[in-house]
Amino acid sequence: MKFEEVARIVGKVPLMSPEEGRILYDFIISTKSQQILELGFAHGTSSCYMGAALHEQGTGHLITIDNDSAKEREPEIESLLEATGLSSYVTPIYSQTSYSWELRALLEQHQADGMTQPIFDFCFIDGAHAWEPDGFAFFLVEKLLKPGGWILFDDLDWTYASSPGLRGSEFVRAMPVDYKTTAHIERVWSLLVTQHSNFHNFRREGRWGWAEKKGETSTQSRAALDSIYLKQSISADGARLLKKIVKRIVRRS
């Protein structure tokens, strides 16, 4: 499925912009990622962008996990998958507890001789945004991620105190000041991910943090990521230049 087609359907749905969706889409195709894991799908916008990339390359599958409350989103993931025709490429899992518990099930399902067998080429984490669940989830994902596979964290700069939807809640007001003002995912990134001996090729772009599990394809996949961000930068520069030209023309007229 071409990017323009999926963006036309889900481009205005929160919580992922078409520009961010394009990065995921291009990354999956460039690295030929086939087995993908997503923690936290919300409306399912990011799931559709990734599912579209798998559809375009004709192979692969996305397992995406969120809690039961995601069923109450408008629109919700099932309707977006139906609208895009990507249901066969994406399996949503609704957890009554946490995605860490669902990861436990995946660990148990993929055992050989008492050892976990890595199955995923790429994992996108955009879920709880909290130290406890996401720090633990990172170590579980590491066991399921293939050598040469990538992990991507969203919202490195997010805090409870800055969240428009949560900061005024009784739940957040009762938190210790340092807990609600600290960027939890940034701490997961800097204290756990970048210090983990099995990872390298760390890259931070805005609120996103990338890391590759050490393997044989490092140079090739790192170059693909470099190319994607260079392409986006050139596109953004071109758009800004075009706006300036249009403004000058309007003023002169």
Protein backbone atom coordinates (compact mmCIF):
# COMPACT_ATOMS: atom_id res chain seq x y z
CA MET A 1 0.00 0.00 0.00
CA LYS A 2 1.52 3.30 -1.08
CA PHE A 3 2.26 5.80 1.67
CA GLU A 4 0.09 8.49 0.10
CA GLU A 5 -2.89 6.14 0.18
CA VAL A 6 -2.64 5.25 3.87
CA ALA A 7 -1.86 8.87 4.79
CA ARG A 8 -5.03 9.97 2.98
CA ILE A 9 -7.08 7.69 5.24
CA VAL A 10 -5.38 8.15 8.63
CA GLY A 11 -3.38 11.35 8.19
CA LYS A 12 -5.69 13.45 10.36
CA VAL A 13 -6.14 10.85 13.10
CA PRO A 14 -4.12 11.36 16.31
CA LEU A 15 -1.57 10.62 17.64
CA MET A 16 0.95 10.35 14.81
CA SER A 17 1.58 12.91 12.08
CA PRO A 18 2.05 11.87 8.43
CA GLU A 19 5.66 13.07 8.67
CA GLU A 20 6.35 10.65 11.52
CA GLY A 21 4.36 7.93 9.78
CA ARG A 22 6.54 8.38 6.71
CA ILE A 23 9.67 7.69 8.76
CA LEU A 24 8.25 4.42 10.09
CA TYR A 25 6.99 3.44 6.64
CA ASP A 26 10.30 4.14 4.90
CA PHE A 27 12.33 2.50 7.68
CA ILE A 28 10.40 -0.78 7.45
CA ILE A 29 10.73 -0.94 3.68
CA SER A 30 14.39 0.16 3.63
CA THR A 31 15.42 -2.43 6.25
CA LYS A 32 13.00 -5.11 4.97
CA SER A 33 11.66 -5.55 8.49
CA GLN A 34 9.02 -8.28 8.55
CA GLN A 35 8.13 -9.14 12.13
CA ILE A 36 7.27 -6.01 14.09
CA LEU A 37 6.15 -5.34 17.65
CA GLU A 38 4.39 -2.19 18.86
CA LEU A 39 3.68 -1.35 22.49
CA GLY A 40 0.90 1.21 22.73
CA PHE A 41 -1.28 1.74 19.65
CA ALA A 42 -3.97 4.19 20.93
CA HIS A 43 -6.12 4.88 17.83
CA GLY A 44 -3.95 2.66 15.65
CA THR A 45 -2.56 5.39 13.41
CA SER A 46 1.06 4.27 13.70
CA SER A 47 -0.08 0.65 13.31
CA CYS A 48 -1.64 1.53 9.95
CA TYR A 49 1.51 3.23 8.68
CA MET A 50 3.58 0.19 9.61
CA GLY A 51 0.98 -2.23 8.30
CA ALA A 52 0.91 -0.35 5.00
CA ALA A 53 4.69 -0.77 4.66
CA LEU A 54 4.35 -4.51 5.23
CA HIS A 55 1.56 -4.63 2.65
CA GLU A 56 3.69 -2.70 0.17
CA GLN A 57 6.58 -5.15 0.50
CA GLY A 58 4.15 -8.07 0.40
CA THR A 59 5.23 -9.83 3.57
CA GLY A 60 5.45 -9.48 7.33
CA HIS A 61 3.20 -8.95 10.33
CA LEU A 62 2.73 -6.46 13.15
CA ILE A 63 1.70 -7.44 16.67
CA THR A 64 0.53 -4.37 18.53
CA ILE A 65 -0.47 -4.25 22.21
CA ASP A 66 -2.46 -1.78 24.29
CA ASN A 67 -4.84 -1.97 27.21
CA ASP A 68 -8.60 -2.49 27.05
CA SER A 69 -9.32 1.23 27.20
CA ALA A 70 -8.09 1.52 23.59
CA LYS A 71 -11.40 0.00 22.53
CA GLU A 72 -13.07 3.25 23.59
CA ARG A 73 -10.98 5.44 21.28
CA GLU A 74 -12.73 7.24 18.45
CA PRO A 75 -11.76 6.12 15.93
CA GLU A 76 -10.39 2.85 17.26
CA ILE A 77 -7.82 0.60 15.66
CA GLU A 78 -10.23 -2.00 14.27
CA SER A 79 -12.12 0.61 12.24
CA LEU A 80 -8.87 2.08 10.87
CA LEU A 81 -7.58 -1.35 9.86
CA GLU A 82 -10.86 -2.05 8.10
CA ALA A 83 -10.79 1.32 6.33
CA THR A 84 -7.24 0.73 5.11
CA GLY A 85 -7.70 -2.96 4.35
CA LEU A 86 -4.71 -3.87 6.51
CA SER A 87 -6.33 -6.23 9.01
CA SER A 88 -4.43 -9.26 7.70
CA TYR A 89 -1.10 -7.51 8.41
CA VAL A 90 -1.86 -6.28 11.94
CA THR A 91 -2.93 -8.17 15.07
CA PRO A 92 -4.10 -5.90 17.91
CA ILE A 93 -3.89 -7.39 21.41
CA TYR A 94 -5.96 -5.81 24.17
CA SER A 95 -4.51 -6.45 27.61
CA GLN A 96 -6.53 -6.37 30.80
CA THR A 97 -3.32 -5.89 32.79
CA SER A 98 -0.26 -4.56 30.94
CA TYR A 99 1.78 -5.13 27.82
CA SER A 100 4.54 -6.51 30.02
CA TRP A 101 2.21 -9.38 30.85
CA GLU A 102 1.54 -9.98 27.15
CA LEU A 103 5.29 -9.91 26.50
CA ARG A 104 5.59 -12.66 29.12
CA ALA A 105 3.26 -14.75 26.95
CA LEU A 106 5.41 -14.13 23.87
CA LEU A 107 8.53 -15.14 25.79
CA GLU A 108 6.85 -18.40 26.79
CA GLN A 109 5.63 -19.10 23.26
CA HIS A 110 9.05 -18.72 21.69
CA GLN A 111 11.29 -21.02 23.70
CA ALA A 112 13.78 -23.61 22.51
CA ASP A 113 15.94 -25.61 24.89
CA GLY A 114 14.94 -23.29 27.71
CA MET A 115 16.04 -20.15 25.88
CA THR A 116 13.97 -17.37 24.34
CA GLN A 117 14.19 -17.26 20.56
CA PRO A 118 14.21 -13.70 19.20
CA ILE A 119 11.47 -13.13 16.62
CA PHE A 120 11.13 -9.39 15.96
CA ASP A 121 13.04 -7.19 13.52
CA PHE A 122 11.73 -3.91 14.91
CA CYS A 123 9.91 -2.68 18.02
CA PHE A 124 8.18 0.67 18.46
CA ILE A 125 7.46 1.65 22.08
CA ASP A 126 4.88 4.38 22.57
CA GLY A 127 2.86 3.21 25.54
CA ALA A 128 2.82 3.91 29.25
CA HIS A 129 5.50 6.64 29.20
CA ALA A 130 6.50 5.67 32.73
CA TRP A 131 9.77 4.38 34.19
CA GLU A 132 8.42 1.20 35.79
CA PRO A 133 6.48 -0.42 32.92
CA ASP A 134 8.67 0.81 30.07
CA GLY A 135 11.99 0.16 31.78
CA PHE A 136 10.91 -3.43 32.39
CA ALA A 137 9.41 -3.70 28.89
CA PHE A 138 12.78 -2.76 27.38
CA PHE A 139 14.49 -5.76 28.95
CA LEU A 140 11.68 -8.07 27.81
CA VAL A 141 11.80 -6.68 24.28
CA GLU A 142 15.58 -7.11 24.18
CA LYS A 143 15.07 -10.86 24.57
CA LEU A 144 12.56 -10.92 21.71
CA LEU A 145 14.52 -8.67 19.34
CA LYS A 146 16.73 -10.28 16.71
CA PRO A 147 20.41 -9.30 16.43
CA GLY A 148 20.47 -6.40 13.99
CA GLY A 149 16.92 -5.44 14.97
CA TRP A 150 15.97 -1.94 16.04
CA ILE A 151 14.01 -0.47 18.93
CA LEU A 152 12.42 2.97 18.81
CA PHE A 153 11.12 4.97 21.78
CA ASP A 154 8.65 7.81 21.34
CA ASP A 155 8.10 10.78 23.67
CA LEU A 156 11.52 11.01 25.28
CA ASP A 157 10.59 14.45 26.58
CA TRP A 158 7.08 13.64 27.87
CA THR A 159 6.20 14.27 31.52
CA TYR A 160 3.06 13.88 33.59
CA ALA A 161 3.30 17.53 34.56
CA SER A 162 3.30 18.71 30.94
CA SER A 163 0.54 16.42 29.71
CA PRO A 164 -2.57 18.48 28.83
CA GLY A 165 -4.82 15.51 29.49
CA LEU A 166 -3.27 14.34 32.78
CA ARG A 167 -1.57 17.20 34.61
CA GLY A 168 -4.78 18.45 36.22
CA SER A 169 -5.97 15.03 37.32
CA GLU A 170 -6.11 14.04 40.96
CA PHE A 171 -3.85 11.09 40.08
CA VAL A 172 -1.03 13.37 38.87
CA ARG A 173 -1.50 16.04 41.53
CA ALA A 174 -0.89 13.37 44.17
CA MET A 175 2.46 12.38 42.63
CA PRO A 176 5.80 13.50 44.13
CA VAL A 177 7.08 16.57 42.28
CA ASP A 178 10.17 14.85 40.89
CA TYR A 179 8.08 11.92 39.61
CA LYS A 180 5.65 14.04 37.63
CA THR A 181 8.24 16.51 36.31
CA THR A 182 10.79 13.91 35.19
CA ALA A 183 10.83 12.70 31.58
CA HIS A 184 10.55 8.99 32.32
CA ILE A 185 11.25 7.67 28.83
CA GLU A 186 14.34 9.84 28.53
CA ARG A 187 15.59 8.16 31.71
CA VAL A 188 14.81 4.72 30.29
CA TRP A 189 16.71 5.77 27.17
CA SER A 190 19.76 7.28 28.90
CA LEU A 191 20.07 4.98 31.92
CA LEU A 192 19.05 1.63 30.42
CA VAL A 193 19.11 1.60 26.62
CA THR A 194 22.28 3.54 25.81
CA GLN A 195 24.18 1.72 28.58
CA HIS A 196 23.11 -1.76 27.51
CA SER A 197 26.01 -3.80 26.13
CA ASN A 198 23.84 -5.45 23.45
CA PHE A 199 22.91 -2.14 21.78
CA HIS A 200 24.68 0.47 19.71
CA ASN A 201 24.02 2.97 16.88
CA PHE A 202 22.04 5.21 19.21
CA ARG A 203 20.28 8.08 17.52
CA ARG A 204 18.05 10.77 18.97
CA GLU A 205 15.82 12.76 16.64
CA GLY A 206 13.53 15.17 18.42
CA ARG A 207 11.40 13.15 20.82
CA TRP A 208 12.39 9.83 19.21
CA GLY A 209 15.24 7.59 20.34
CA TRP A 210 16.59 4.78 18.12
CA ALA A 211 18.90 1.92 19.08
CA GLU A 212 20.08 -1.17 17.23
CA LYS A 213 20.72 -4.55 18.79
CA LYS A 214 24.21 -5.57 17.78
CA GLY A 215 24.30 -7.89 14.78
CA GLU A 216 25.68 -8.43 11.30
CA THR A 217 23.51 -5.87 9.44
CA SER A 218 24.55 -2.81 11.43
CA THR A 219 26.18 -0.76 8.66
CA GLN A 220 23.41 -1.37 6.14
CA SER A 221 20.49 -0.57 8.42
CA ARG A 222 22.23 2.45 9.96
CA ALA A 223 22.79 3.84 6.47
CA ALA A 224 19.11 3.33 5.69
CA LEU A 225 18.12 5.37 8.75
CA ASP A 226 20.58 8.12 7.83
CA SER A 227 19.10 8.27 4.33
CA ILE A 228 15.53 8.51 5.64
CA TYR A 229 16.30 11.48 7.90
CA LEU A 230 18.35 13.20 5.19
CA LYS A 231 15.46 12.82 2.76
CA GLN A 232 13.02 14.25 5.31
CA SER A 233 15.34 17.16 6.08
CA ILE A 234 15.68 18.03 2.40
CA SER A 235 11.90 17.81 1.98
CA ALA A 236 11.30 20.08 4.98
CA ASP A 237 13.86 22.61 3.73
CA GLY A 238 12.19 22.61 0.33
CA ALA A 239 8.78 23.18 1.88
CA ARG A 240 10.07 26.11 3.96
CA LEU A 241 11.73 27.64 0.89
CA LEU A 242 8.53 27.30 -1.12
CA LYS A 243 6.55 29.06 1.61
CA LYS A 244 9.02 31.96 1.59
CA ILE A 245 8.78 32.27 -2.20
CA VAL A 246 4.98 32.26 -2.08
CA LYS A 247 4.96 34.94 0.64
CA ARG A 248 7.25 37.18 -1.45
CA ILE A 249 5.07 36.74 -4.51
CA VAL A 250 1.95 37.61 -2.50
CA ARG A 251 3.58 40.71 -1.05
CA ARG A 252 4.72 41.95 -4.47
CA SER A 253 1.31 41.41 -5.94
